[in-house]
Amino acid sequence: MINLDWYNSLIKPDFTPPNYLFGPVWGIIYLSILASLIFYINKRTFVPKIKGYIFFIIQMVLNILWIPAFFIMKSTQAGLIIIILLDIFVFMTIREFHKVSRAAAYILVPYLIWILFATYLNAGIVYHNYL
């Protein structure tokens, strides 16, 4: 379990949700990511899928890397770099998934919106605490 004392001591930007909302929201997001991947995998098409798989894997790795960078290393700056890359690769995943399955792409849109909001929060923490 991650100790949130350090995080709770940070000055956060406006509109930061309460801590108890993050778990349920991420649970729903991860289920939607899985559903999107299932739609993508199961869609029969002549369109090559390899770029979609590569972008999907990269964005998942970045998603996983953000937690240790931000909470364990306590590097909000590294977290910001990772989450900006995550934004880019989720967008690229959506674009590639859309070529094969509109449903797979549209299911990822709330995820993109959520991580853009998380990027705002991460950038706000960097700004308020380290600049």
C-alpha atoms as a PDB file:
ATOM      1  CA  MET A   1       0.000   0.000   0.000  1.00  0.00           C
ATOM      2  CA  ILE A   2       1.267   3.450  -0.888  1.00  0.00           C
ATOM      3  CA  ASN A   3       1.663   5.899   1.993  1.00  0.00           C
ATOM      4  CA  LEU A   4      -0.305   9.010   1.024  1.00  0.00           C
ATOM      5  CA  ASP A   5       1.151  11.305   3.730  1.00  0.00           C
ATOM      6  CA  TRP A   6       3.573  12.871   1.245  1.00  0.00           C
ATOM      7  CA  TYR A   7       0.828  13.313  -1.367  1.00  0.00           C
ATOM      8  CA  ASN A   8      -1.580  14.778   1.190  1.00  0.00           C
ATOM      9  CA  SER A   9       1.061  17.330   2.203  1.00  0.00           C
ATOM     10  CA  LEU A  10       1.334  18.720  -1.331  1.00  0.00           C
ATOM     11  CA  ILE A  11      -0.442  21.867  -2.474  1.00  0.00           C
ATOM     12  CA  LYS A  12      -2.895  20.719  -5.127  1.00  0.00           C
ATOM     13  CA  PRO A  13      -4.595  22.603  -7.952  1.00  0.00           C
ATOM     14  CA  ASP A  14      -8.239  23.627  -7.942  1.00  0.00           C
ATOM     15  CA  PHE A  15     -10.732  20.878  -8.779  1.00  0.00           C
ATOM     16  CA  THR A  16      -8.604  18.117  -7.229  1.00  0.00           C
ATOM     17  CA  PRO A  17     -11.098  15.375  -6.363  1.00  0.00           C
ATOM     18  CA  PRO A  18     -11.074  13.711  -2.946  1.00  0.00           C
ATOM     19  CA  ASN A  19      -8.717  10.724  -2.646  1.00  0.00           C
ATOM     20  CA  TYR A  20     -11.580   8.222  -2.267  1.00  0.00           C
ATOM     21  CA  LEU A  21     -12.768   8.890  -5.852  1.00  0.00           C
ATOM     22  CA  PHE A  22      -9.563   7.822  -7.566  1.00  0.00           C
ATOM     23  CA  GLY A  23      -9.898   4.079  -6.875  1.00  0.00           C
ATOM     24  CA  PRO A  24     -13.434   3.645  -8.233  1.00  0.00           C
ATOM     25  CA  VAL A  25     -12.767   5.861 -11.253  1.00  0.00           C
ATOM     26  CA  TRP A  26      -9.604   3.932 -12.140  1.00  0.00           C
ATOM     27  CA  GLY A  27     -11.472   0.652 -11.672  1.00  0.00           C
ATOM     28  CA  ILE A  28     -14.045   1.725 -14.251  1.00  0.00           C
ATOM     29  CA  ILE A  29     -11.317   3.068 -16.545  1.00  0.00           C
ATOM     30  CA  TYR A  30      -9.359  -0.205 -16.424  1.00  0.00           C
ATOM     31  CA  LEU A  31     -12.510  -2.195 -17.219  1.00  0.00           C
ATOM     32  CA  SER A  32     -13.158   0.080 -20.205  1.00  0.00           C
ATOM     33  CA  ILE A  33      -9.552  -0.352 -21.386  1.00  0.00           C
ATOM     34  CA  LEU A  34     -10.018  -4.124 -21.229  1.00  0.00           C
ATOM     35  CA  ALA A  35     -13.345  -3.905 -23.082  1.00  0.00           C
ATOM     36  CA  SER A  36     -11.743  -1.759 -25.770  1.00  0.00           C
ATOM     37  CA  LEU A  37      -8.924  -4.240 -26.247  1.00  0.00           C
ATOM     38  CA  ILE A  38     -11.407  -7.116 -26.503  1.00  0.00           C
ATOM     39  CA  PHE A  39     -13.363  -5.248 -29.210  1.00  0.00           C
ATOM     40  CA  TYR A  40     -10.121  -4.553 -31.068  1.00  0.00           C
ATOM     41  CA  ILE A  41      -8.841  -8.123 -30.836  1.00  0.00           C
ATOM     42  CA  ASN A  42     -12.145  -9.649 -31.936  1.00  0.00           C
ATOM     43  CA  LYS A  43     -12.809  -7.343 -34.881  1.00  0.00           C
ATOM     44  CA  ARG A  44     -12.169  -9.125 -38.185  1.00  0.00           C
ATOM     45  CA  THR A  45     -10.558  -6.767 -40.651  1.00  0.00           C
ATOM     46  CA  PHE A  46      -8.057  -6.494 -43.467  1.00  0.00           C
ATOM     47  CA  VAL A  47      -6.574  -3.408 -41.790  1.00  0.00           C
ATOM     48  CA  PRO A  48      -3.224  -4.240 -40.146  1.00  0.00           C
ATOM     49  CA  LYS A  49      -3.555  -4.135 -36.348  1.00  0.00           C
ATOM     50  CA  ILE A  50       0.114  -4.149 -35.306  1.00  0.00           C
ATOM     51  CA  LYS A  51       0.405  -0.374 -34.725  1.00  0.00           C
ATOM     52  CA  GLY A  52      -2.680  -0.451 -32.517  1.00  0.00           C
ATOM     53  CA  TYR A  53      -1.185  -3.241 -30.419  1.00  0.00           C
ATOM     54  CA  ILE A  54       2.156  -1.433 -30.135  1.00  0.00           C
ATOM     55  CA  PHE A  55       0.537   1.857 -29.079  1.00  0.00           C
ATOM     56  CA  PHE A  56      -1.719  -0.014 -26.641  1.00  0.00           C
ATOM     57  CA  ILE A  57       1.239  -1.762 -24.996  1.00  0.00           C
ATOM     58  CA  ILE A  58       3.246   1.473 -24.778  1.00  0.00           C
ATOM     59  CA  GLN A  59       0.371   3.385 -23.172  1.00  0.00           C
ATOM     60  CA  MET A  60      -0.202   0.571 -20.668  1.00  0.00           C
ATOM     61  CA  VAL A  61       3.501   0.531 -19.731  1.00  0.00           C
ATOM     62  CA  LEU A  62       3.423   4.312 -19.272  1.00  0.00           C
ATOM     63  CA  ASN A  63       0.240   3.997 -17.211  1.00  0.00           C
ATOM     64  CA  ILE A  64       1.948   1.473 -14.940  1.00  0.00           C
ATOM     65  CA  LEU A  65       5.198   3.500 -14.701  1.00  0.00           C
ATOM     66  CA  TRP A  66       3.437   6.660 -13.557  1.00  0.00           C
ATOM     67  CA  ILE A  67       2.529   5.259 -10.117  1.00  0.00           C
ATOM     68  CA  PRO A  68       6.078   4.408  -8.978  1.00  0.00           C
ATOM     69  CA  ALA A  69       7.483   7.594 -10.512  1.00  0.00           C
ATOM     70  CA  PHE A  70       4.953   9.814  -8.763  1.00  0.00           C
ATOM     71  CA  PHE A  71       4.194   8.017  -5.494  1.00  0.00           C
ATOM     72  CA  ILE A  72       7.240   5.847  -4.746  1.00  0.00           C
ATOM     73  CA  MET A  73      10.051   8.001  -6.154  1.00  0.00           C
ATOM     74  CA  LYS A  74       7.994  11.094  -5.214  1.00  0.00           C
ATOM     75  CA  SER A  75       9.056  12.686  -8.476  1.00  0.00           C
ATOM     76  CA  THR A  76       6.166  14.794  -9.636  1.00  0.00           C
ATOM     77  CA  GLN A  77       8.329  16.018 -12.522  1.00  0.00           C
ATOM     78  CA  ALA A  78       9.031  12.471 -13.793  1.00  0.00           C
ATOM     79  CA  GLY A  79       5.344  11.730 -13.317  1.00  0.00           C
ATOM     80  CA  LEU A  80       4.485  14.743 -15.456  1.00  0.00           C
ATOM     81  CA  ILE A  81       6.779  13.618 -18.270  1.00  0.00           C
ATOM     82  CA  ILE A  82       5.323  10.102 -18.147  1.00  0.00           C
ATOM     83  CA  ILE A  83       1.720  11.286 -18.108  1.00  0.00           C
ATOM     84  CA  ILE A  84       2.272  13.646 -21.050  1.00  0.00           C
ATOM     85  CA  LEU A  85       3.678  10.702 -23.005  1.00  0.00           C
ATOM     86  CA  LEU A  86       0.695   8.671 -21.815  1.00  0.00           C
ATOM     87  CA  ASP A  87      -1.681  11.330 -23.182  1.00  0.00           C
ATOM     88  CA  ILE A  88       0.023  11.115 -26.554  1.00  0.00           C
ATOM     89  CA  PHE A  89       0.017   7.324 -26.735  1.00  0.00           C
ATOM     90  CA  VAL A  90      -3.591   6.983 -25.604  1.00  0.00           C
ATOM     91  CA  PHE A  91      -4.569   9.413 -28.365  1.00  0.00           C
ATOM     92  CA  MET A  92      -2.513   7.417 -30.869  1.00  0.00           C
ATOM     93  CA  THR A  93      -4.110   4.182 -29.625  1.00  0.00           C
ATOM     94  CA  ILE A  94      -7.570   5.657 -30.086  1.00  0.00           C
ATOM     95  CA  ARG A  95      -6.673   6.760 -33.597  1.00  0.00           C
ATOM     96  CA  GLU A  96      -5.345   3.317 -34.537  1.00  0.00           C
ATOM     97  CA  PHE A  97      -8.213   1.444 -32.855  1.00  0.00           C
ATOM     98  CA  HIS A  98     -10.690   3.625 -34.763  1.00  0.00           C
ATOM     99  CA  LYS A  99      -9.316   2.290 -38.065  1.00  0.00           C
ATOM    100  CA  VAL A 100     -10.396  -1.201 -36.989  1.00  0.00           C
ATOM    101  CA  SER A 101     -13.267  -0.734 -34.518  1.00  0.00           C
ATOM    102  CA  ARG A 102     -15.102   2.479 -33.751  1.00  0.00           C
ATOM    103  CA  ALA A 103     -16.449   0.921 -30.547  1.00  0.00           C
ATOM    104  CA  ALA A 104     -12.921   0.074 -29.365  1.00  0.00           C
ATOM    105  CA  ALA A 105     -11.860   3.668 -30.014  1.00  0.00           C
ATOM    106  CA  TYR A 106     -14.891   5.379 -28.460  1.00  0.00           C
ATOM    107  CA  ILE A 107     -14.642   3.283 -25.305  1.00  0.00           C
ATOM    108  CA  LEU A 108     -11.176   4.792 -24.721  1.00  0.00           C
ATOM    109  CA  VAL A 109     -12.329   8.423 -24.961  1.00  0.00           C
ATOM    110  CA  PRO A 110     -13.310   8.703 -21.245  1.00  0.00           C
ATOM    111  CA  TYR A 111      -9.863   7.287 -20.400  1.00  0.00           C
ATOM    112  CA  LEU A 112      -8.219  10.016 -22.482  1.00  0.00           C
ATOM    113  CA  ILE A 113     -10.354  12.677 -20.805  1.00  0.00           C
ATOM    114  CA  TRP A 114      -9.483  11.307 -17.355  1.00  0.00           C
ATOM    115  CA  ILE A 115      -5.743  11.238 -17.994  1.00  0.00           C
ATOM    116  CA  LEU A 116      -5.849  14.739 -19.479  1.00  0.00           C
ATOM    117  CA  PHE A 117      -7.469  15.793 -16.202  1.00  0.00           C
ATOM    118  CA  ALA A 118      -4.778  13.834 -14.319  1.00  0.00           C
ATOM    119  CA  THR A 119      -2.159  15.689 -16.387  1.00  0.00           C
ATOM    120  CA  TYR A 120      -3.679  18.979 -15.246  1.00  0.00           C
ATOM    121  CA  LEU A 121      -3.515  17.765 -11.625  1.00  0.00           C
ATOM    122  CA  ASN A 122       0.081  16.552 -11.974  1.00  0.00           C
ATOM    123  CA  ALA A 123       1.171  19.797 -13.665  1.00  0.00           C
ATOM    124  CA  GLY A 124      -0.628  21.813 -10.978  1.00  0.00           C
ATOM    125  CA  ILE A 125       1.221  19.923  -8.258  1.00  0.00           C
ATOM    126  CA  VAL A 126       4.553  20.599  -9.953  1.00  0.00           C
ATOM    127  CA  TYR A 127       3.650  24.271 -10.354  1.00  0.00           C
ATOM    128  CA  HIS A 128       2.362  24.816  -6.801  1.00  0.00           C
ATOM    129  CA  ASN A 129       5.089  22.862  -5.026  1.00  0.00           C
ATOM    130  CA  TYR A 130       8.262  23.100  -7.058  1.00  0.00           C
ATOM    131  CA  LEU A 131       8.203  26.268  -9.167  1.00  0.00           C
END
